Amino acid sequence: MKTENVTGDASRLYQAVLAHLQSGLWNDIRNARTLSWMVSGLLLSQRSTLPNWLSHINA
């Protein structure tokens, strides 16, 4: 997914992933949110290291 607005892509992807994860059994919704950002960062950066994901995280 390559567009001019990577931040917008990250937010949309995060919302889509979170919608699927929220229906799971979580002790704390923060775990689902963290995993959603991790999956979004992994997909958008196409790298498997945390430092590459950081630019795609909206904190």
N, C-alpha and C. Protein backbone atom coordinates (compact mmCIF):
# COMPACT_ATOMS: atom_id res chain seq x y z
N MET A 1 0.85 -1.16 0.00
CA MET A 1 0.00 0.00 0.00
C MET A 1 0.90 1.22 0.00
N LYS A 2 1.09 1.81 -1.13
CA LYS A 2 1.94 3.00 -1.21
C LYS A 2 1.11 4.15 -1.74
N THR A 3 0.91 5.13 -0.89
CA THR A 3 0.22 6.35 -1.28
C THR A 3 1.01 7.53 -0.76
N GLU A 4 0.51 8.72 -1.05
CA GLU A 4 1.22 9.92 -0.60
C GLU A 4 1.05 10.17 0.89
N ASN A 5 0.00 9.66 1.50
CA ASN A 5 -0.29 9.94 2.89
C ASN A 5 -0.13 8.68 3.73
N VAL A 6 1.09 8.39 4.15
CA VAL A 6 1.35 7.19 4.93
C VAL A 6 0.65 7.24 6.27
N THR A 7 0.57 8.41 6.87
CA THR A 7 -0.10 8.53 8.17
C THR A 7 -1.57 8.15 8.06
N GLY A 8 -2.23 8.56 7.01
CA GLY A 8 -3.62 8.19 6.80
C GLY A 8 -3.77 6.70 6.58
N ASP A 9 -2.84 6.10 5.85
CA ASP A 9 -2.86 4.66 5.64
C ASP A 9 -2.70 3.92 6.96
N ALA A 10 -1.81 4.40 7.80
CA ALA A 10 -1.57 3.75 9.09
C ALA A 10 -2.83 3.79 9.94
N SER A 11 -3.51 4.91 9.97
CA SER A 11 -4.72 5.04 10.79
C SER A 11 -5.84 4.13 10.27
N ARG A 12 -6.01 4.08 8.96
CA ARG A 12 -7.06 3.23 8.39
C ARG A 12 -6.75 1.76 8.61
N LEU A 13 -5.50 1.38 8.41
CA LEU A 13 -5.11 -0.01 8.62
C LEU A 13 -5.25 -0.38 10.09
N TYR A 14 -4.84 0.50 10.97
CA TYR A 14 -4.98 0.27 12.41
C TYR A 14 -6.44 0.03 12.78
N GLN A 15 -7.34 0.86 12.29
CA GLN A 15 -8.76 0.71 12.59
C GLN A 15 -9.31 -0.61 12.07
N ALA A 16 -8.88 -1.01 10.88
CA ALA A 16 -9.35 -2.28 10.30
C ALA A 16 -8.86 -3.48 11.11
N VAL A 17 -7.59 -3.45 11.50
CA VAL A 17 -7.03 -4.56 12.28
C VAL A 17 -7.66 -4.59 13.67
N LEU A 18 -7.82 -3.44 14.28
CA LEU A 18 -8.41 -3.37 15.62
C LEU A 18 -9.84 -3.89 15.62
N ALA A 19 -10.59 -3.61 14.57
CA ALA A 19 -11.98 -4.10 14.50
C ALA A 19 -12.01 -5.62 14.56
N HIS A 20 -11.04 -6.28 13.96
CA HIS A 20 -10.99 -7.75 14.01
C HIS A 20 -10.50 -8.26 15.35
N LEU A 21 -9.57 -7.55 15.96
CA LEU A 21 -9.00 -8.02 17.21
C LEU A 21 -9.89 -7.76 18.42
N GLN A 22 -10.73 -6.74 18.35
CA GLN A 22 -11.58 -6.41 19.51
C GLN A 22 -12.57 -7.51 19.84
N SER A 23 -12.93 -8.30 18.85
CA SER A 23 -13.91 -9.35 19.10
C SER A 23 -13.29 -10.55 19.81
N GLY A 24 -11.96 -10.57 19.92
CA GLY A 24 -11.27 -11.67 20.60
C GLY A 24 -11.38 -11.54 22.11
N LEU A 25 -10.92 -12.53 22.79
CA LEU A 25 -10.94 -12.52 24.25
C LEU A 25 -9.66 -11.88 24.76
N TRP A 26 -9.77 -10.67 25.26
CA TRP A 26 -8.63 -9.93 25.77
C TRP A 26 -8.89 -9.58 27.22
N ASN A 27 -7.88 -9.72 28.05
CA ASN A 27 -7.99 -9.28 29.44
C ASN A 27 -8.00 -7.76 29.53
N ASP A 28 -7.35 -7.13 28.58
CA ASP A 28 -7.23 -5.68 28.58
C ASP A 28 -7.20 -5.22 27.13
N ILE A 29 -8.08 -4.30 26.76
CA ILE A 29 -8.20 -3.83 25.38
C ILE A 29 -6.90 -3.19 24.91
N ARG A 30 -6.07 -2.72 25.83
CA ARG A 30 -4.79 -2.11 25.44
C ARG A 30 -3.91 -3.12 24.72
N ASN A 31 -4.03 -4.41 25.06
CA ASN A 31 -3.26 -5.43 24.36
C ASN A 31 -3.67 -5.51 22.89
N ALA A 32 -4.96 -5.43 22.61
CA ALA A 32 -5.46 -5.46 21.23
C ALA A 32 -5.00 -4.21 20.48
N ARG A 33 -5.01 -3.07 21.13
CA ARG A 33 -4.56 -1.83 20.49
C ARG A 33 -3.07 -1.89 20.15
N THR A 34 -2.27 -2.40 21.08
CA THR A 34 -0.84 -2.51 20.84
C THR A 34 -0.55 -3.46 19.68
N LEU A 35 -1.22 -4.60 19.68
CA LEU A 35 -1.03 -5.56 18.60
C LEU A 35 -1.48 -4.97 17.26
N SER A 36 -2.53 -4.18 17.27
CA SER A 36 -3.01 -3.54 16.03
C SER A 36 -1.95 -2.59 15.47
N TRP A 37 -1.32 -1.80 16.34
CA TRP A 37 -0.25 -0.90 15.87
C TRP A 37 0.95 -1.69 15.37
N MET A 38 1.26 -2.80 16.03
CA MET A 38 2.39 -3.62 15.60
C MET A 38 2.14 -4.22 14.22
N VAL A 39 0.95 -4.75 14.00
CA VAL A 39 0.60 -5.32 12.70
C VAL A 39 0.61 -4.24 11.63
N SER A 40 0.06 -3.08 11.93
CA SER A 40 0.04 -1.97 10.97
C SER A 40 1.46 -1.54 10.61
N GLY A 41 2.32 -1.40 11.61
CA GLY A 41 3.70 -1.01 11.36
C GLY A 41 4.45 -2.05 10.53
N LEU A 42 4.21 -3.31 10.84
CA LEU A 42 4.85 -4.38 10.09
C LEU A 42 4.43 -4.36 8.63
N LEU A 43 3.15 -4.23 8.38
CA LEU A 43 2.66 -4.24 7.00
C LEU A 43 3.10 -3.01 6.21
N LEU A 44 3.05 -1.85 6.83
CA LEU A 44 3.39 -0.63 6.11
C LEU A 44 4.89 -0.47 5.90
N SER A 45 5.70 -0.89 6.86
CA SER A 45 7.15 -0.74 6.72
C SER A 45 7.76 -1.89 5.92
N GLN A 46 7.08 -3.02 5.90
CA GLN A 46 7.57 -4.23 5.23
C GLN A 46 8.90 -4.68 5.80
N ARG A 47 9.09 -4.42 7.08
CA ARG A 47 10.30 -4.83 7.80
C ARG A 47 9.87 -5.50 9.11
N SER A 48 10.69 -6.39 9.59
CA SER A 48 10.33 -7.13 10.80
C SER A 48 11.02 -6.63 12.05
N THR A 49 11.46 -5.37 12.05
CA THR A 49 12.12 -4.83 13.24
C THR A 49 11.32 -3.65 13.79
N LEU A 50 11.24 -3.58 15.09
CA LEU A 50 10.47 -2.55 15.77
C LEU A 50 10.86 -1.12 15.38
N PRO A 51 12.15 -0.79 15.27
CA PRO A 51 12.50 0.59 14.91
C PRO A 51 11.89 1.04 13.57
N ASN A 52 11.71 0.13 12.64
CA ASN A 52 11.10 0.49 11.36
C ASN A 52 9.61 0.74 11.49
N TRP A 53 8.97 0.20 12.50
CA TRP A 53 7.54 0.37 12.69
C TRP A 53 7.21 1.72 13.33
N LEU A 54 8.14 2.28 14.06
CA LEU A 54 7.86 3.48 14.85
C LEU A 54 7.34 4.65 14.04
N SER A 55 7.79 4.80 12.81
CA SER A 55 7.33 5.93 11.99
C SER A 55 5.87 5.78 11.58
N HIS A 56 5.29 4.61 11.77
CA HIS A 56 3.89 4.39 11.40
C HIS A 56 2.95 4.40 12.59
N ILE A 57 3.47 4.67 13.76
CA ILE A 57 2.65 4.66 14.98
C ILE A 57 2.21 6.07 15.32
N ASN A 58 0.90 6.24 15.51
CA ASN A 58 0.36 7.53 15.97
C ASN A 58 0.15 7.42 17.46
N ALA A 59 1.00 8.03 18.23
CA ALA A 59 0.89 7.90 19.69
C ALA A 59 0.03 8.99 20.27
